[in-house]
Amino acid sequence: MKCKIKEINNEKVVELIGNLTIKNHTRIKRKIESLIKASPWIIIDMEQVSEIDSMGIGMLISLWKLCKRENGELFIYGLKAIIKKLFHYVNINNRIPTFDNLEEAIIKIKEKREIQIKNEP
């Protein structure tokens, strides 16, 4: 599993490449956690993730919760059909916003951040 961090349109995008499984989730989680602590608004690109197990799913939920605690948000895009089905079956898609492409994710993350800024005292 490779994890590349990019900035696209002023948004942090984490590109995951490979299988997100028990073998590698801890290393990837630590890397993304440090990014979240610096900036809790994250988009995860899963276009090149072909397999995910329960540890990978748990990692994503944990990262989403961390973003929420840090007053941010975690979005995911580019799920393969089989992973999208899995997300639906385990009801993750009702917690973590998922999108078909990066453009949709960027638009939504900017909208949510603007709403949060307007609602701050």
N, C-alpha and C. Protein backbone atom coordinates (compact mmCIF):
# COMPACT_ATOMS: atom_id res chain seq x y z
N MET A 1 0.85 -1.18 0.00
CA MET A 1 0.00 0.00 0.00
C MET A 1 0.89 1.23 0.00
N LYS A 2 0.60 2.12 -0.91
CA LYS A 2 1.28 3.42 -0.95
C LYS A 2 0.28 4.49 -0.55
N CYS A 3 0.81 5.55 0.02
CA CYS A 3 -0.01 6.68 0.48
C CYS A 3 0.69 7.96 0.05
N LYS A 4 0.08 8.66 -0.88
CA LYS A 4 0.65 9.92 -1.37
C LYS A 4 -0.25 11.07 -0.95
N ILE A 5 0.36 12.13 -0.44
CA ILE A 5 -0.40 13.30 -0.01
C ILE A 5 -0.17 14.41 -1.02
N LYS A 6 -1.29 14.95 -1.52
CA LYS A 6 -1.23 16.01 -2.52
C LYS A 6 -2.10 17.17 -2.06
N GLU A 7 -1.88 18.31 -2.67
CA GLU A 7 -2.77 19.45 -2.45
C GLU A 7 -3.36 19.81 -3.81
N ILE A 8 -4.68 19.76 -3.90
CA ILE A 8 -5.38 20.06 -5.14
C ILE A 8 -6.46 21.09 -4.83
N ASN A 9 -6.42 22.22 -5.52
CA ASN A 9 -7.37 23.31 -5.26
C ASN A 9 -7.43 23.68 -3.78
N ASN A 10 -6.27 23.75 -3.15
CA ASN A 10 -6.12 24.10 -1.74
C ASN A 10 -6.72 23.08 -0.79
N GLU A 11 -6.95 21.87 -1.26
CA GLU A 11 -7.50 20.80 -0.42
C GLU A 11 -6.47 19.69 -0.29
N LYS A 12 -6.37 19.11 0.92
CA LYS A 12 -5.48 17.97 1.15
C LYS A 12 -6.15 16.71 0.61
N VAL A 13 -5.45 16.03 -0.30
CA VAL A 13 -5.96 14.80 -0.90
C VAL A 13 -4.95 13.69 -0.61
N VAL A 14 -5.44 12.61 -0.01
CA VAL A 14 -4.61 11.45 0.30
C VAL A 14 -4.93 10.37 -0.73
N GLU A 15 -3.95 10.05 -1.56
CA GLU A 15 -4.13 9.02 -2.57
C GLU A 15 -3.63 7.69 -2.03
N LEU A 16 -4.53 6.71 -1.95
CA LEU A 16 -4.18 5.37 -1.50
C LEU A 16 -4.05 4.47 -2.72
N ILE A 17 -2.97 3.69 -2.75
CA ILE A 17 -2.71 2.81 -3.89
C ILE A 17 -2.40 1.41 -3.36
N GLY A 18 -3.21 0.45 -3.74
CA GLY A 18 -3.00 -0.93 -3.31
C GLY A 18 -4.16 -1.44 -2.49
N ASN A 19 -3.87 -2.40 -1.63
CA ASN A 19 -4.89 -3.01 -0.77
C ASN A 19 -4.79 -2.44 0.64
N LEU A 20 -5.93 -2.06 1.19
CA LEU A 20 -5.98 -1.49 2.54
C LEU A 20 -6.43 -2.61 3.49
N THR A 21 -5.44 -3.25 4.11
CA THR A 21 -5.72 -4.44 4.90
C THR A 21 -4.97 -4.41 6.23
N ILE A 22 -5.15 -5.48 6.98
CA ILE A 22 -4.49 -5.60 8.28
C ILE A 22 -2.97 -5.47 8.16
N LYS A 23 -2.42 -5.83 7.02
CA LYS A 23 -0.98 -5.80 6.82
C LYS A 23 -0.39 -4.40 6.83
N ASN A 24 -1.20 -3.40 6.47
CA ASN A 24 -0.63 -2.06 6.29
C ASN A 24 -1.44 -0.92 6.90
N HIS A 25 -2.56 -1.20 7.50
CA HIS A 25 -3.44 -0.11 7.95
C HIS A 25 -2.81 0.76 9.03
N THR A 26 -1.98 0.20 9.91
CA THR A 26 -1.41 0.99 11.01
C THR A 26 -0.47 2.07 10.49
N ARG A 27 0.40 1.72 9.56
CA ARG A 27 1.34 2.70 8.99
C ARG A 27 0.59 3.81 8.26
N ILE A 28 -0.41 3.42 7.49
CA ILE A 28 -1.19 4.41 6.73
C ILE A 28 -1.98 5.30 7.69
N LYS A 29 -2.56 4.69 8.71
CA LYS A 29 -3.36 5.45 9.68
C LYS A 29 -2.51 6.51 10.37
N ARG A 30 -1.32 6.14 10.80
CA ARG A 30 -0.44 7.11 11.47
C ARG A 30 -0.10 8.30 10.56
N LYS A 31 0.17 8.00 9.32
CA LYS A 31 0.51 9.07 8.37
C LYS A 31 -0.65 10.03 8.18
N ILE A 32 -1.85 9.49 8.03
CA ILE A 32 -3.03 10.34 7.81
C ILE A 32 -3.42 11.07 9.10
N GLU A 33 -3.26 10.42 10.25
CA GLU A 33 -3.56 11.08 11.53
C GLU A 33 -2.70 12.34 11.71
N SER A 34 -1.44 12.26 11.37
CA SER A 34 -0.58 13.44 11.52
C SER A 34 -1.02 14.56 10.57
N LEU A 35 -1.51 14.19 9.41
CA LEU A 35 -2.04 15.18 8.47
C LEU A 35 -3.31 15.83 9.02
N ILE A 36 -4.19 15.02 9.60
CA ILE A 36 -5.45 15.52 10.15
C ILE A 36 -5.19 16.49 11.29
N LYS A 37 -4.21 16.20 12.12
CA LYS A 37 -3.91 17.10 13.25
C LYS A 37 -3.45 18.46 12.77
N ALA A 38 -2.83 18.50 11.58
CA ALA A 38 -2.41 19.78 11.00
C ALA A 38 -3.55 20.46 10.25
N SER A 39 -4.42 19.66 9.64
CA SER A 39 -5.55 20.19 8.86
C SER A 39 -6.63 19.12 8.79
N PRO A 40 -7.74 19.29 9.56
CA PRO A 40 -8.73 18.22 9.68
C PRO A 40 -9.73 18.09 8.52
N TRP A 41 -9.48 18.76 7.43
CA TRP A 41 -10.34 18.65 6.25
C TRP A 41 -9.59 17.83 5.21
N ILE A 42 -10.00 16.57 5.02
CA ILE A 42 -9.25 15.61 4.22
C ILE A 42 -10.15 14.93 3.19
N ILE A 43 -9.60 14.73 2.01
CA ILE A 43 -10.26 13.93 0.97
C ILE A 43 -9.36 12.71 0.72
N ILE A 44 -9.95 11.52 0.77
CA ILE A 44 -9.20 10.30 0.49
C ILE A 44 -9.59 9.77 -0.88
N ASP A 45 -8.58 9.61 -1.73
CA ASP A 45 -8.73 9.07 -3.08
C ASP A 45 -8.54 7.56 -3.01
N MET A 46 -9.61 6.82 -3.28
CA MET A 46 -9.53 5.36 -3.23
C MET A 46 -9.69 4.72 -4.61
N GLU A 47 -9.44 5.51 -5.65
CA GLU A 47 -9.57 4.98 -7.02
C GLU A 47 -8.67 3.78 -7.29
N GLN A 48 -7.52 3.72 -6.61
CA GLN A 48 -6.57 2.64 -6.87
C GLN A 48 -6.51 1.63 -5.73
N VAL A 49 -7.57 1.62 -4.90
CA VAL A 49 -7.68 0.61 -3.84
C VAL A 49 -8.58 -0.50 -4.37
N SER A 50 -8.02 -1.70 -4.47
CA SER A 50 -8.80 -2.80 -5.04
C SER A 50 -9.34 -3.75 -4.00
N GLU A 51 -8.81 -3.65 -2.77
CA GLU A 51 -9.27 -4.54 -1.70
C GLU A 51 -9.20 -3.81 -0.36
N ILE A 52 -10.20 -4.07 0.48
CA ILE A 52 -10.22 -3.51 1.83
C ILE A 52 -10.80 -4.57 2.75
N ASP A 53 -10.20 -4.72 3.94
CA ASP A 53 -10.75 -5.66 4.92
C ASP A 53 -11.31 -4.89 6.11
N SER A 54 -11.72 -5.61 7.15
CA SER A 54 -12.35 -4.96 8.30
C SER A 54 -11.41 -3.99 9.00
N MET A 55 -10.12 -4.27 9.01
CA MET A 55 -9.16 -3.35 9.63
C MET A 55 -9.06 -2.06 8.82
N GLY A 56 -9.12 -2.16 7.51
CA GLY A 56 -9.10 -0.98 6.66
C GLY A 56 -10.36 -0.13 6.86
N ILE A 57 -11.49 -0.80 6.98
CA ILE A 57 -12.75 -0.09 7.24
C ILE A 57 -12.69 0.59 8.61
N GLY A 58 -12.20 -0.14 9.60
CA GLY A 58 -12.06 0.44 10.93
C GLY A 58 -11.15 1.65 10.93
N MET A 59 -10.08 1.59 10.15
CA MET A 59 -9.16 2.72 10.04
C MET A 59 -9.87 3.95 9.48
N LEU A 60 -10.65 3.76 8.43
CA LEU A 60 -11.36 4.89 7.83
C LEU A 60 -12.35 5.50 8.82
N ILE A 61 -13.07 4.67 9.56
CA ILE A 61 -14.01 5.18 10.56
C ILE A 61 -13.27 5.95 11.65
N SER A 62 -12.15 5.41 12.09
CA SER A 62 -11.34 6.08 13.12
C SER A 62 -10.84 7.44 12.62
N LEU A 63 -10.39 7.51 11.38
CA LEU A 63 -9.92 8.78 10.81
C LEU A 63 -11.07 9.77 10.67
N TRP A 64 -12.24 9.28 10.29
CA TRP A 64 -13.43 10.15 10.17
C TRP A 64 -13.78 10.74 11.54
N LYS A 65 -13.74 9.90 12.58
CA LYS A 65 -14.03 10.39 13.94
C LYS A 65 -13.00 11.42 14.38
N LEU A 66 -11.73 11.20 14.06
CA LEU A 66 -10.69 12.16 14.40
C LEU A 66 -10.94 13.50 13.70
N CYS A 67 -11.30 13.46 12.43
CA CYS A 67 -11.62 14.70 11.71
C CYS A 67 -12.77 15.43 12.41
N LYS A 68 -13.79 14.70 12.79
CA LYS A 68 -14.94 15.31 13.47
C LYS A 68 -14.52 15.95 14.79
N ARG A 69 -13.70 15.24 15.59
CA ARG A 69 -13.23 15.80 16.87
C ARG A 69 -12.40 17.06 16.66
N GLU A 70 -11.71 17.13 15.55
CA GLU A 70 -10.86 18.29 15.24
C GLU A 70 -11.64 19.37 14.47
N ASN A 71 -12.98 19.23 14.42
CA ASN A 71 -13.86 20.18 13.72
C ASN A 71 -13.61 20.24 12.22
N GLY A 72 -13.36 19.08 11.65
CA GLY A 72 -13.16 18.99 10.21
C GLY A 72 -14.08 17.94 9.61
N GLU A 73 -13.66 17.41 8.48
CA GLU A 73 -14.48 16.42 7.77
C GLU A 73 -13.58 15.55 6.93
N LEU A 74 -13.96 14.30 6.75
CA LEU A 74 -13.27 13.38 5.88
C LEU A 74 -14.21 12.94 4.80
N PHE A 75 -13.78 13.09 3.56
CA PHE A 75 -14.56 12.65 2.40
C PHE A 75 -13.76 11.59 1.65
N ILE A 76 -14.45 10.71 0.98
CA ILE A 76 -13.82 9.65 0.19
C ILE A 76 -14.39 9.71 -1.22
N TYR A 77 -13.53 9.48 -2.19
CA TYR A 77 -14.04 9.36 -3.56
C TYR A 77 -13.31 8.24 -4.29
N GLY A 78 -13.94 7.80 -5.39
CA GLY A 78 -13.31 6.84 -6.28
C GLY A 78 -13.42 5.39 -5.84
N LEU A 79 -14.48 5.05 -5.11
CA LEU A 79 -14.64 3.66 -4.68
C LEU A 79 -14.96 2.74 -5.85
N LYS A 80 -14.29 1.62 -5.93
CA LYS A 80 -14.63 0.59 -6.91
C LYS A 80 -16.00 0.02 -6.52
N ALA A 81 -16.71 -0.53 -7.48
CA ALA A 81 -18.08 -1.01 -7.27
C ALA A 81 -18.17 -1.99 -6.10
N ILE A 82 -17.25 -2.91 -6.00
CA ILE A 82 -17.31 -3.92 -4.94
C ILE A 82 -17.10 -3.29 -3.56
N ILE A 83 -16.24 -2.28 -3.48
CA ILE A 83 -16.00 -1.60 -2.20
C ILE A 83 -17.19 -0.70 -1.87
N LYS A 84 -17.77 -0.09 -2.89
CA LYS A 84 -18.97 0.74 -2.67
C LYS A 84 -20.10 -0.11 -2.10
N LYS A 85 -20.26 -1.33 -2.62
CA LYS A 85 -21.28 -2.25 -2.09
C LYS A 85 -21.00 -2.59 -0.63
N LEU A 86 -19.73 -2.86 -0.33
CA LEU A 86 -19.35 -3.18 1.04
C LEU A 86 -19.66 -2.02 1.97
N PHE A 87 -19.33 -0.80 1.55
CA PHE A 87 -19.64 0.39 2.35
C PHE A 87 -21.14 0.47 2.62
N HIS A 88 -21.94 0.17 1.61
CA HIS A 88 -23.39 0.20 1.76
C HIS A 88 -23.86 -0.87 2.75
N TYR A 89 -23.33 -2.08 2.62
CA TYR A 89 -23.74 -3.18 3.50
C TYR A 89 -23.42 -2.92 4.96
N VAL A 90 -22.27 -2.30 5.22
CA VAL A 90 -21.89 -2.05 6.61
C VAL A 90 -22.26 -0.63 7.05
N ASN A 91 -22.99 0.07 6.20
CA ASN A 91 -23.60 1.37 6.51
C ASN A 91 -22.58 2.50 6.74
N ILE A 92 -21.41 2.38 6.16
CA ILE A 92 -20.41 3.45 6.29
C ILE A 92 -20.81 4.66 5.47
N ASN A 93 -21.45 4.42 4.34
CA ASN A 93 -21.81 5.53 3.46
C ASN A 93 -22.79 6.51 4.10
N ASN A 94 -23.42 6.13 5.22
CA ASN A 94 -24.28 7.05 5.95
C ASN A 94 -23.50 7.89 6.96
N ARG A 95 -22.23 7.57 7.16
CA ARG A 95 -21.38 8.34 8.06
C ARG A 95 -20.35 9.15 7.28
N ILE A 96 -19.57 8.46 6.48
CA ILE A 96 -18.51 9.11 5.73
C ILE A 96 -19.02 9.45 4.34
N PRO A 97 -19.03 10.75 4.00
CA PRO A 97 -19.50 11.12 2.66
C PRO A 97 -18.59 10.54 1.57
N THR A 98 -19.21 9.91 0.58
CA THR A 98 -18.46 9.34 -0.54
C THR A 98 -18.94 9.97 -1.84
N PHE A 99 -18.01 10.08 -2.78
CA PHE A 99 -18.28 10.72 -4.06
C PHE A 99 -17.67 9.91 -5.18
N ASP A 100 -18.20 10.09 -6.37
CA ASP A 100 -17.69 9.37 -7.53
C ASP A 100 -16.38 9.93 -8.03
N ASN A 101 -16.19 11.25 -7.86
CA ASN A 101 -14.97 11.85 -8.40
C ASN A 101 -14.46 12.97 -7.49
N LEU A 102 -13.24 13.39 -7.77
CA LEU A 102 -12.57 14.41 -6.96
C LEU A 102 -13.29 15.74 -7.02
N GLU A 103 -13.77 16.12 -8.18
CA GLU A 103 -14.43 17.42 -8.33
C GLU A 103 -15.63 17.54 -7.40
N GLU A 104 -16.46 16.49 -7.33
CA GLU A 104 -17.61 16.51 -6.43
C GLU A 104 -17.17 16.64 -4.97
N ALA A 105 -16.13 15.90 -4.61
CA ALA A 105 -15.64 15.93 -3.23
C ALA A 105 -15.11 17.32 -2.87
N ILE A 106 -14.39 17.95 -3.79
CA ILE A 106 -13.85 19.29 -3.52
C ILE A 106 -14.97 20.31 -3.35
N ILE A 107 -15.96 20.25 -4.22
CA ILE A 107 -17.09 21.18 -4.11
C ILE A 107 -17.77 21.02 -2.75
N LYS A 108 -18.03 19.79 -2.36
CA LYS A 108 -18.75 19.53 -1.10
C LYS A 108 -17.92 19.92 0.13
N ILE A 109 -16.64 19.63 0.11
CA ILE A 109 -15.81 19.97 1.27
C ILE A 109 -15.71 21.48 1.44
N LYS A 110 -15.64 22.22 0.34
CA LYS A 110 -15.61 23.68 0.42
C LYS A 110 -16.94 24.22 0.95
N GLU A 111 -18.06 23.64 0.50
CA GLU A 111 -19.38 24.05 0.98
C GLU A 111 -19.50 23.81 2.49
N LYS A 112 -19.10 22.62 2.95
CA LYS A 112 -19.21 22.29 4.38
C LYS A 112 -18.33 23.20 5.23
N ARG A 113 -17.13 23.50 4.74
CA ARG A 113 -16.23 24.37 5.49
C ARG A 113 -16.82 25.78 5.59
N GLU A 114 -17.38 26.28 4.50
CA GLU A 114 -18.00 27.62 4.51
C GLU A 114 -19.16 27.66 5.49
N ILE A 115 -19.98 26.63 5.53
CA ILE A 115 -21.11 26.56 6.46
C ILE A 115 -20.59 26.58 7.89
N GLN A 116 -19.55 25.80 8.16
CA GLN A 116 -18.98 25.76 9.50
C GLN A 116 -18.43 27.11 9.91
N ILE A 117 -17.76 27.80 9.01
CA ILE A 117 -17.20 29.12 9.32
C ILE A 117 -18.32 30.11 9.62
N LYS A 118 -19.41 30.07 8.85
CA LYS A 118 -20.54 30.97 9.08
C LYS A 118 -21.21 30.71 10.42
N ASN A 119 -21.20 29.46 10.87
CA ASN A 119 -21.88 29.10 12.12
C ASN A 119 -21.01 29.26 13.35
N GLU A 120 -19.74 29.60 13.18
CA GLU A 120 -18.86 29.83 14.34
C GLU A 120 -19.22 31.13 15.01
N PRO A 121 -19.14 31.16 16.34
CA PRO A 121 -19.48 32.40 17.06
C PRO A 121 -18.46 33.50 16.83
